[in-house]
Amino acid sequence: MQEYIDNTCQNTNRLSVEMRPSILNHLGLIAVIRWEVKEYQNRTGTICDIVLDQKKIPLDWDCSTAVFRIFQKLLSNMERHSEATRMMVSFTEKDGTLELMVMDNGKGITKEQINNPNSWGITEINERVEFLGGEIEIKGIPDKGTTITVRIPLQAKNQDQSG
């Protein structure tokens, strides 16, 4: 029974960190994206290049959590489906818009996969992006890879907190 309780506590802690890691609270979204990319690279062996905005991007708590979850789901989908050996992540702010782009050299997502109502990962990403008033663009080229670009407008309410 004690072992069961210990395992339950460990799983709960792991899920809690995955949902909103404490590093997000302490170091911000840019540090978490860097950390997630390194973890992905270590776990999968995929070569990962990363371009991060050097300035703090003003995001409130809810928005930074949602962007983190979007990014997590993008990586999860890539790991399960892309068969990529190389990935590039870009996270920048320009003219009041946050842009997160993930590009891989995998097998390339098809239009059918993008539009499949049973593609739960894409559905989850779309719902989060829509909640933030943003837009998502997904492009796949067979045997060349997939590029997913998420654009989220930074709103005035986000201006006093940093991500």
N, C-alpha and C. Protein backbone atom coordinates (compact mmCIF):
# COMPACT_ATOMS: atom_id res chain seq x y z
N MET A 1 0.83 -1.19 0.00
CA MET A 1 0.00 0.00 0.00
C MET A 1 0.87 1.26 0.00
N GLN A 2 1.95 1.24 0.80
CA GLN A 2 2.84 2.40 0.86
C GLN A 2 3.48 2.66 -0.51
N GLU A 3 3.87 1.58 -1.19
CA GLU A 3 4.46 1.73 -2.52
C GLU A 3 3.45 2.35 -3.49
N TYR A 4 2.20 1.93 -3.41
CA TYR A 4 1.15 2.49 -4.25
C TYR A 4 0.99 3.99 -3.98
N ILE A 5 0.97 4.37 -2.72
CA ILE A 5 0.84 5.78 -2.34
C ILE A 5 2.04 6.58 -2.84
N ASP A 6 3.24 6.05 -2.67
CA ASP A 6 4.45 6.72 -3.15
C ASP A 6 4.41 6.92 -4.66
N ASN A 7 4.02 5.87 -5.40
CA ASN A 7 3.91 5.99 -6.86
C ASN A 7 2.87 7.02 -7.26
N THR A 8 1.75 7.05 -6.57
CA THR A 8 0.70 8.03 -6.86
C THR A 8 1.22 9.45 -6.62
N CYS A 9 1.94 9.65 -5.53
CA CYS A 9 2.51 10.97 -5.23
C CYS A 9 3.53 11.38 -6.29
N GLN A 10 4.39 10.45 -6.71
CA GLN A 10 5.38 10.75 -7.74
C GLN A 10 4.70 11.10 -9.06
N ASN A 11 3.68 10.34 -9.44
CA ASN A 11 2.95 10.64 -10.68
C ASN A 11 2.24 11.98 -10.61
N THR A 12 1.67 12.29 -9.46
CA THR A 12 0.99 13.57 -9.29
C THR A 12 1.99 14.72 -9.42
N ASN A 13 3.15 14.59 -8.80
CA ASN A 13 4.18 15.61 -8.91
C ASN A 13 4.66 15.77 -10.35
N ARG A 14 4.87 14.65 -11.03
CA ARG A 14 5.31 14.70 -12.43
C ARG A 14 4.28 15.40 -13.29
N LEU A 15 2.99 15.06 -13.12
CA LEU A 15 1.93 15.70 -13.89
C LEU A 15 1.84 17.19 -13.59
N SER A 16 2.01 17.55 -12.34
CA SER A 16 1.97 18.95 -11.95
C SER A 16 3.08 19.74 -12.64
N VAL A 17 4.27 19.17 -12.67
CA VAL A 17 5.39 19.84 -13.34
C VAL A 17 5.13 19.94 -14.83
N GLU A 18 4.56 18.89 -15.42
CA GLU A 18 4.27 18.93 -16.85
C GLU A 18 3.20 19.97 -17.18
N MET A 19 2.24 20.16 -16.29
CA MET A 19 1.16 21.11 -16.54
C MET A 19 1.66 22.56 -16.45
N ARG A 20 2.39 22.87 -15.41
CA ARG A 20 2.98 24.20 -15.25
C ARG A 20 4.21 24.04 -14.36
N PRO A 21 5.37 23.85 -14.97
CA PRO A 21 6.57 23.63 -14.17
C PRO A 21 6.92 24.87 -13.36
N SER A 22 7.52 24.66 -12.19
CA SER A 22 7.88 25.79 -11.32
C SER A 22 8.88 26.71 -11.99
N ILE A 23 9.67 26.19 -12.92
CA ILE A 23 10.61 27.04 -13.65
C ILE A 23 9.87 28.13 -14.42
N LEU A 24 8.64 27.85 -14.85
CA LEU A 24 7.84 28.85 -15.54
C LEU A 24 7.53 30.02 -14.61
N ASN A 25 7.26 29.72 -13.35
CA ASN A 25 7.00 30.78 -12.37
C ASN A 25 8.25 31.58 -12.05
N HIS A 26 9.38 30.91 -11.95
CA HIS A 26 10.60 31.55 -11.48
C HIS A 26 11.44 32.18 -12.59
N LEU A 27 11.54 31.53 -13.73
CA LEU A 27 12.44 32.01 -14.78
C LEU A 27 11.73 32.50 -16.03
N GLY A 28 10.46 32.16 -16.19
CA GLY A 28 9.71 32.66 -17.33
C GLY A 28 9.62 31.68 -18.49
N LEU A 29 8.81 32.05 -19.45
CA LEU A 29 8.48 31.19 -20.58
C LEU A 29 9.69 30.89 -21.47
N ILE A 30 10.54 31.87 -21.71
CA ILE A 30 11.70 31.65 -22.58
C ILE A 30 12.60 30.56 -22.00
N ALA A 31 12.85 30.61 -20.69
CA ALA A 31 13.68 29.59 -20.04
C ALA A 31 13.03 28.22 -20.13
N VAL A 32 11.71 28.17 -19.99
CA VAL A 32 11.00 26.89 -20.06
C VAL A 32 11.07 26.31 -21.47
N ILE A 33 10.95 27.14 -22.48
CA ILE A 33 11.05 26.66 -23.85
C ILE A 33 12.44 26.10 -24.10
N ARG A 34 13.46 26.81 -23.63
CA ARG A 34 14.83 26.33 -23.78
C ARG A 34 14.99 24.97 -23.08
N TRP A 35 14.46 24.86 -21.88
CA TRP A 35 14.53 23.62 -21.10
C TRP A 35 13.79 22.48 -21.81
N GLU A 36 12.57 22.75 -22.31
CA GLU A 36 11.79 21.72 -23.00
C GLU A 36 12.51 21.23 -24.26
N VAL A 37 13.14 22.14 -24.99
CA VAL A 37 13.87 21.75 -26.20
C VAL A 37 15.04 20.84 -25.84
N LYS A 38 15.77 21.19 -24.77
CA LYS A 38 16.89 20.34 -24.35
C LYS A 38 16.41 18.97 -23.91
N GLU A 39 15.31 18.93 -23.17
CA GLU A 39 14.74 17.65 -22.74
C GLU A 39 14.32 16.81 -23.95
N TYR A 40 13.68 17.45 -24.92
CA TYR A 40 13.24 16.77 -26.15
C TYR A 40 14.45 16.19 -26.89
N GLN A 41 15.47 17.01 -27.02
CA GLN A 41 16.68 16.57 -27.72
C GLN A 41 17.32 15.39 -27.00
N ASN A 42 17.42 15.46 -25.69
CA ASN A 42 18.01 14.35 -24.91
C ASN A 42 17.17 13.08 -25.02
N ARG A 43 15.85 13.24 -25.00
CA ARG A 43 14.94 12.09 -25.03
C ARG A 43 14.88 11.42 -26.40
N THR A 44 14.90 12.22 -27.47
CA THR A 44 14.67 11.68 -28.81
C THR A 44 15.92 11.54 -29.66
N GLY A 45 16.98 12.27 -29.32
CA GLY A 45 18.16 12.28 -30.16
C GLY A 45 18.03 13.21 -31.36
N THR A 46 16.91 13.89 -31.47
CA THR A 46 16.68 14.85 -32.55
C THR A 46 17.60 16.06 -32.36
N ILE A 47 18.25 16.49 -33.41
CA ILE A 47 19.08 17.69 -33.33
C ILE A 47 18.15 18.89 -33.33
N CYS A 48 18.29 19.75 -32.33
CA CYS A 48 17.38 20.88 -32.15
C CYS A 48 18.13 22.20 -32.19
N ASP A 49 17.70 23.08 -33.08
CA ASP A 49 18.20 24.45 -33.12
C ASP A 49 17.12 25.33 -32.53
N ILE A 50 17.54 26.38 -31.84
CA ILE A 50 16.56 27.22 -31.17
C ILE A 50 16.93 28.68 -31.33
N VAL A 51 15.91 29.49 -31.64
CA VAL A 51 16.07 30.94 -31.74
C VAL A 51 15.06 31.54 -30.77
N LEU A 52 15.59 32.19 -29.73
CA LEU A 52 14.71 32.78 -28.72
C LEU A 52 14.93 34.28 -28.65
N ASP A 53 13.84 34.99 -28.48
CA ASP A 53 13.91 36.42 -28.25
C ASP A 53 14.72 36.65 -26.98
N GLN A 54 15.64 37.57 -27.01
CA GLN A 54 16.47 37.82 -25.84
C GLN A 54 15.80 38.73 -24.82
N LYS A 55 14.76 39.44 -25.26
CA LYS A 55 14.06 40.30 -24.31
C LYS A 55 12.90 39.54 -23.69
N LYS A 56 12.48 39.97 -22.53
CA LYS A 56 11.33 39.34 -21.89
C LYS A 56 10.08 39.69 -22.68
N ILE A 57 9.26 38.70 -22.88
CA ILE A 57 8.02 38.89 -23.62
C ILE A 57 6.90 39.03 -22.59
N PRO A 58 6.15 40.13 -22.66
CA PRO A 58 5.13 40.39 -21.63
C PRO A 58 3.90 39.50 -21.77
N LEU A 59 3.80 38.52 -20.87
CA LEU A 59 2.66 37.62 -20.87
C LEU A 59 2.14 37.48 -19.45
N ASP A 60 0.82 37.43 -19.32
CA ASP A 60 0.28 37.17 -17.98
C ASP A 60 0.36 35.67 -17.68
N TRP A 61 0.00 35.31 -16.46
CA TRP A 61 0.12 33.94 -15.98
C TRP A 61 -0.65 32.97 -16.87
N ASP A 62 -1.92 33.28 -17.18
CA ASP A 62 -2.75 32.39 -17.99
C ASP A 62 -2.19 32.22 -19.39
N CYS A 63 -1.76 33.31 -19.99
CA CYS A 63 -1.23 33.25 -21.36
C CYS A 63 0.07 32.45 -21.41
N SER A 64 0.97 32.69 -20.45
CA SER A 64 2.24 31.95 -20.47
C SER A 64 2.00 30.46 -20.26
N THR A 65 1.04 30.12 -19.41
CA THR A 65 0.71 28.71 -19.20
C THR A 65 0.15 28.10 -20.48
N ALA A 66 -0.76 28.80 -21.15
CA ALA A 66 -1.36 28.30 -22.39
C ALA A 66 -0.30 28.13 -23.49
N VAL A 67 0.60 29.10 -23.63
CA VAL A 67 1.65 29.00 -24.64
C VAL A 67 2.56 27.82 -24.32
N PHE A 68 2.89 27.65 -23.05
CA PHE A 68 3.70 26.50 -22.64
C PHE A 68 3.01 25.19 -23.03
N ARG A 69 1.73 25.06 -22.75
CA ARG A 69 0.99 23.83 -23.06
C ARG A 69 0.91 23.61 -24.58
N ILE A 70 0.75 24.69 -25.35
CA ILE A 70 0.75 24.59 -26.81
C ILE A 70 2.10 24.03 -27.27
N PHE A 71 3.17 24.59 -26.74
CA PHE A 71 4.51 24.15 -27.12
C PHE A 71 4.73 22.68 -26.75
N GLN A 72 4.31 22.31 -25.55
CA GLN A 72 4.43 20.92 -25.12
C GLN A 72 3.70 19.98 -26.08
N LYS A 73 2.51 20.35 -26.47
CA LYS A 73 1.72 19.50 -27.36
C LYS A 73 2.36 19.44 -28.75
N LEU A 74 2.93 20.55 -29.23
CA LEU A 74 3.63 20.53 -30.50
C LEU A 74 4.78 19.52 -30.47
N LEU A 75 5.57 19.57 -29.40
CA LEU A 75 6.69 18.64 -29.28
C LEU A 75 6.21 17.20 -29.16
N SER A 76 5.16 17.00 -28.40
CA SER A 76 4.61 15.66 -28.22
C SER A 76 4.14 15.09 -29.56
N ASN A 77 3.44 15.89 -30.33
CA ASN A 77 2.97 15.44 -31.65
C ASN A 77 4.13 15.12 -32.58
N MET A 78 5.16 15.98 -32.54
CA MET A 78 6.32 15.74 -33.39
C MET A 78 7.01 14.42 -33.01
N GLU A 79 7.14 14.22 -31.73
CA GLU A 79 7.81 12.99 -31.26
C GLU A 79 7.06 11.74 -31.71
N ARG A 80 5.74 11.79 -31.65
CA ARG A 80 4.93 10.62 -31.99
C ARG A 80 4.78 10.40 -33.49
N HIS A 81 4.77 11.49 -34.27
CA HIS A 81 4.35 11.33 -35.66
C HIS A 81 5.36 11.73 -36.73
N SER A 82 6.30 12.61 -36.45
CA SER A 82 7.07 13.23 -37.54
C SER A 82 8.21 12.38 -38.10
N GLU A 83 8.82 11.53 -37.25
CA GLU A 83 10.01 10.78 -37.65
C GLU A 83 11.15 11.72 -38.06
N ALA A 84 11.21 12.88 -37.45
CA ALA A 84 12.22 13.89 -37.77
C ALA A 84 13.55 13.57 -37.10
N THR A 85 14.62 14.02 -37.74
CA THR A 85 15.95 13.93 -37.15
C THR A 85 16.48 15.30 -36.76
N ARG A 86 15.80 16.34 -37.23
CA ARG A 86 16.22 17.72 -36.96
C ARG A 86 14.97 18.58 -36.76
N MET A 87 15.11 19.55 -35.84
CA MET A 87 14.00 20.44 -35.53
C MET A 87 14.55 21.84 -35.28
N MET A 88 13.77 22.85 -35.63
CA MET A 88 14.12 24.22 -35.34
C MET A 88 12.94 24.87 -34.62
N VAL A 89 13.21 25.55 -33.52
CA VAL A 89 12.19 26.25 -32.75
C VAL A 89 12.55 27.72 -32.74
N SER A 90 11.56 28.55 -33.02
CA SER A 90 11.74 30.00 -32.96
C SER A 90 10.63 30.56 -32.08
N PHE A 91 11.00 31.44 -31.15
CA PHE A 91 10.04 32.05 -30.23
C PHE A 91 10.41 33.52 -30.13
N THR A 92 9.61 34.37 -30.79
CA THR A 92 9.95 35.79 -30.86
C THR A 92 8.70 36.66 -30.69
N GLU A 93 8.94 37.92 -30.42
CA GLU A 93 7.87 38.92 -30.35
C GLU A 93 8.19 40.00 -31.36
N LYS A 94 7.19 40.36 -32.16
CA LYS A 94 7.38 41.40 -33.16
C LYS A 94 6.07 42.16 -33.34
N ASP A 95 6.16 43.45 -33.21
CA ASP A 95 4.99 44.32 -33.42
C ASP A 95 3.77 43.88 -32.62
N GLY A 96 3.98 43.54 -31.37
CA GLY A 96 2.86 43.19 -30.50
C GLY A 96 2.29 41.80 -30.72
N THR A 97 3.01 40.94 -31.44
CA THR A 97 2.54 39.58 -31.69
C THR A 97 3.63 38.59 -31.29
N LEU A 98 3.24 37.62 -30.52
CA LEU A 98 4.12 36.52 -30.15
C LEU A 98 4.08 35.50 -31.28
N GLU A 99 5.25 35.06 -31.73
CA GLU A 99 5.28 34.03 -32.78
C GLU A 99 6.12 32.85 -32.30
N LEU A 100 5.49 31.70 -32.31
CA LEU A 100 6.14 30.43 -31.97
C LEU A 100 6.12 29.58 -33.23
N MET A 101 7.30 29.22 -33.71
CA MET A 101 7.38 28.40 -34.91
C MET A 101 8.21 27.15 -34.60
N VAL A 102 7.68 26.01 -35.00
CA VAL A 102 8.38 24.74 -34.87
C VAL A 102 8.42 24.11 -36.27
N MET A 103 9.64 23.80 -36.71
CA MET A 103 9.83 23.24 -38.04
C MET A 103 10.68 21.98 -37.92
N ASP A 104 10.28 20.92 -38.63
CA ASP A 104 11.06 19.69 -38.58
C ASP A 104 11.35 19.18 -39.99
N ASN A 105 12.21 18.19 -40.08
CA ASN A 105 12.56 17.59 -41.37
C ASN A 105 11.96 16.19 -41.51
N GLY A 106 10.83 15.97 -40.86
CA GLY A 106 10.21 14.65 -40.86
C GLY A 106 9.42 14.33 -42.11
N LYS A 107 8.46 13.44 -41.94
CA LYS A 107 7.71 12.94 -43.09
C LYS A 107 6.67 13.92 -43.61
N GLY A 108 6.35 14.95 -42.86
CA GLY A 108 5.42 15.98 -43.32
C GLY A 108 3.97 15.61 -43.06
N ILE A 109 3.27 16.46 -42.37
CA ILE A 109 1.86 16.24 -42.08
C ILE A 109 1.04 16.46 -43.35
N THR A 110 -0.02 15.67 -43.52
CA THR A 110 -0.87 15.80 -44.71
C THR A 110 -2.09 16.67 -44.38
N LYS A 111 -2.74 17.16 -45.42
CA LYS A 111 -3.97 17.95 -45.23
C LYS A 111 -5.03 17.11 -44.53
N GLU A 112 -5.08 15.83 -44.87
CA GLU A 112 -6.05 14.94 -44.24
C GLU A 112 -5.81 14.84 -42.74
N GLN A 113 -4.56 14.76 -42.35
CA GLN A 113 -4.24 14.69 -40.92
C GLN A 113 -4.57 16.01 -40.22
N ILE A 114 -4.29 17.11 -40.87
CA ILE A 114 -4.59 18.42 -40.29
C ILE A 114 -6.09 18.58 -40.06
N ASN A 115 -6.89 18.13 -41.03
CA ASN A 115 -8.34 18.32 -40.98
C ASN A 115 -9.10 17.19 -40.32
N ASN A 116 -8.41 16.16 -39.87
CA ASN A 116 -9.06 15.01 -39.24
C ASN A 116 -9.62 15.41 -37.88
N PRO A 117 -10.94 15.28 -37.69
CA PRO A 117 -11.53 15.66 -36.40
C PRO A 117 -11.05 14.78 -35.24
N ASN A 118 -10.43 13.65 -35.54
CA ASN A 118 -9.89 12.78 -34.50
C ASN A 118 -8.41 13.06 -34.19
N SER A 119 -7.87 14.12 -34.79
CA SER A 119 -6.50 14.54 -34.48
C SER A 119 -6.55 15.38 -33.21
N TRP A 120 -6.57 14.69 -32.07
CA TRP A 120 -6.80 15.36 -30.78
C TRP A 120 -5.71 16.35 -30.44
N GLY A 121 -4.47 16.06 -30.78
CA GLY A 121 -3.38 16.99 -30.50
C GLY A 121 -3.57 18.31 -31.22
N ILE A 122 -3.90 18.23 -32.51
CA ILE A 122 -4.13 19.45 -33.29
C ILE A 122 -5.36 20.19 -32.77
N THR A 123 -6.39 19.44 -32.42
CA THR A 123 -7.60 20.05 -31.87
C THR A 123 -7.28 20.80 -30.58
N GLU A 124 -6.51 20.18 -29.70
CA GLU A 124 -6.14 20.82 -28.44
C GLU A 124 -5.34 22.10 -28.69
N ILE A 125 -4.38 22.03 -29.60
CA ILE A 125 -3.58 23.22 -29.93
C ILE A 125 -4.48 24.31 -30.48
N ASN A 126 -5.34 23.96 -31.44
CA ASN A 126 -6.25 24.95 -32.03
C ASN A 126 -7.11 25.63 -30.98
N GLU A 127 -7.64 24.86 -30.04
CA GLU A 127 -8.51 25.43 -29.00
C GLU A 127 -7.74 26.40 -28.12
N ARG A 128 -6.53 26.07 -27.75
CA ARG A 128 -5.72 26.96 -26.91
C ARG A 128 -5.36 28.24 -27.66
N VAL A 129 -4.96 28.09 -28.93
CA VAL A 129 -4.60 29.26 -29.74
C VAL A 129 -5.83 30.16 -29.91
N GLU A 130 -6.97 29.56 -30.21
CA GLU A 130 -8.21 30.33 -30.36
C GLU A 130 -8.57 31.06 -29.07
N PHE A 131 -8.42 30.39 -27.94
CA PHE A 131 -8.69 30.99 -26.63
C PHE A 131 -7.86 32.26 -26.42
N LEU A 132 -6.63 32.24 -26.94
CA LEU A 132 -5.73 33.39 -26.80
C LEU A 132 -5.93 34.43 -27.90
N GLY A 133 -6.90 34.20 -28.78
CA GLY A 133 -7.15 35.15 -29.86
C GLY A 133 -6.12 35.08 -30.97
N GLY A 134 -5.43 33.96 -31.06
CA GLY A 134 -4.36 33.83 -32.04
C GLY A 134 -4.76 33.03 -33.26
N GLU A 135 -3.76 32.69 -34.02
CA GLU A 135 -3.98 31.89 -35.24
C GLU A 135 -2.84 30.88 -35.36
N ILE A 136 -3.14 29.81 -36.05
CA ILE A 136 -2.15 28.76 -36.27
C ILE A 136 -2.10 28.42 -37.75
N GLU A 137 -0.90 28.19 -38.22
CA GLU A 137 -0.69 27.81 -39.61
C GLU A 137 0.13 26.52 -39.61
N ILE A 138 -0.38 25.50 -40.29
CA ILE A 138 0.30 24.20 -40.35
C ILE A 138 0.55 23.86 -41.81
N LYS A 139 1.81 23.62 -42.14
CA LYS A 139 2.19 23.27 -43.50
C LYS A 139 3.05 22.02 -43.47
N GLY A 140 2.68 21.06 -44.29
CA GLY A 140 3.47 19.85 -44.40
C GLY A 140 3.86 19.60 -45.85
N ILE A 141 5.09 19.14 -46.04
CA ILE A 141 5.57 18.77 -47.37
C ILE A 141 6.04 17.32 -47.26
N PRO A 142 5.45 16.42 -48.06
CA PRO A 142 5.82 15.01 -47.96
C PRO A 142 7.33 14.79 -48.02
N ASP A 143 7.82 14.03 -47.06
CA ASP A 143 9.24 13.66 -46.94
C ASP A 143 10.19 14.85 -46.77
N LYS A 144 9.64 16.03 -46.49
CA LYS A 144 10.48 17.22 -46.26
C LYS A 144 10.27 17.77 -44.85
N GLY A 145 9.06 17.62 -44.32
CA GLY A 145 8.83 18.08 -42.95
C GLY A 145 7.57 18.90 -42.79
N THR A 146 7.42 19.39 -41.58
CA THR A 146 6.25 20.15 -41.18
C THR A 146 6.71 21.45 -40.52
N THR A 147 5.97 22.52 -40.81
CA THR A 147 6.19 23.80 -40.14
C THR A 147 4.88 24.22 -39.51
N ILE A 148 4.92 24.49 -38.21
CA ILE A 148 3.75 24.96 -37.49
C ILE A 148 4.10 26.32 -36.91
N THR A 149 3.28 27.31 -37.25
CA THR A 149 3.49 28.67 -36.76
C THR A 149 2.27 29.11 -35.98
N VAL A 150 2.50 29.53 -34.75
CA VAL A 150 1.43 30.03 -33.88
C VAL A 150 1.71 31.50 -33.65
N ARG A 151 0.69 32.33 -33.90
CA ARG A 151 0.80 33.78 -33.66
C ARG A 151 -0.27 34.19 -32.66
N ILE A 152 0.17 34.87 -31.61
CA ILE A 152 -0.75 35.28 -30.56
C ILE A 152 -0.55 36.77 -30.30
N PRO A 153 -1.63 37.54 -30.40
CA PRO A 153 -1.49 38.98 -30.12
C PRO A 153 -1.25 39.20 -28.63
N LEU A 154 -0.31 40.10 -28.34
CA LEU A 154 -0.06 40.46 -26.95
C LEU A 154 -1.03 41.58 -26.60
N GLN A 155 -1.78 41.37 -25.55
CA GLN A 155 -2.82 42.32 -25.18
C GLN A 155 -2.32 43.24 -24.07
N ALA A 156 -2.99 44.36 -23.91
CA ALA A 156 -2.60 45.35 -22.91
C ALA A 156 -2.54 44.76 -21.51
N LYS A 157 -3.41 43.80 -21.20
CA LYS A 157 -3.42 43.20 -19.86
C LYS A 157 -2.14 42.44 -19.56
N ASN A 158 -1.40 42.07 -20.62
CA ASN A 158 -0.17 41.33 -20.42
C ASN A 158 1.04 42.25 -20.19
N GLN A 159 0.88 43.53 -20.34
CA GLN A 159 2.02 44.43 -20.35
C GLN A 159 2.72 44.59 -19.00
N ASP A 160 2.05 44.25 -17.90
CA ASP A 160 2.70 44.47 -16.61
C ASP A 160 3.31 43.21 -16.00
N GLN A 161 3.26 42.09 -16.70
CA GLN A 161 3.89 40.87 -16.20
C GLN A 161 4.76 40.30 -17.32
N SER A 162 5.81 39.62 -16.96
CA SER A 162 6.68 39.08 -18.01
C SER A 162 6.63 37.58 -18.03
N GLY A 163 6.89 37.01 -19.25
CA GLY A 163 6.86 35.56 -19.44
C GLY A 163 8.17 35.08 -19.61
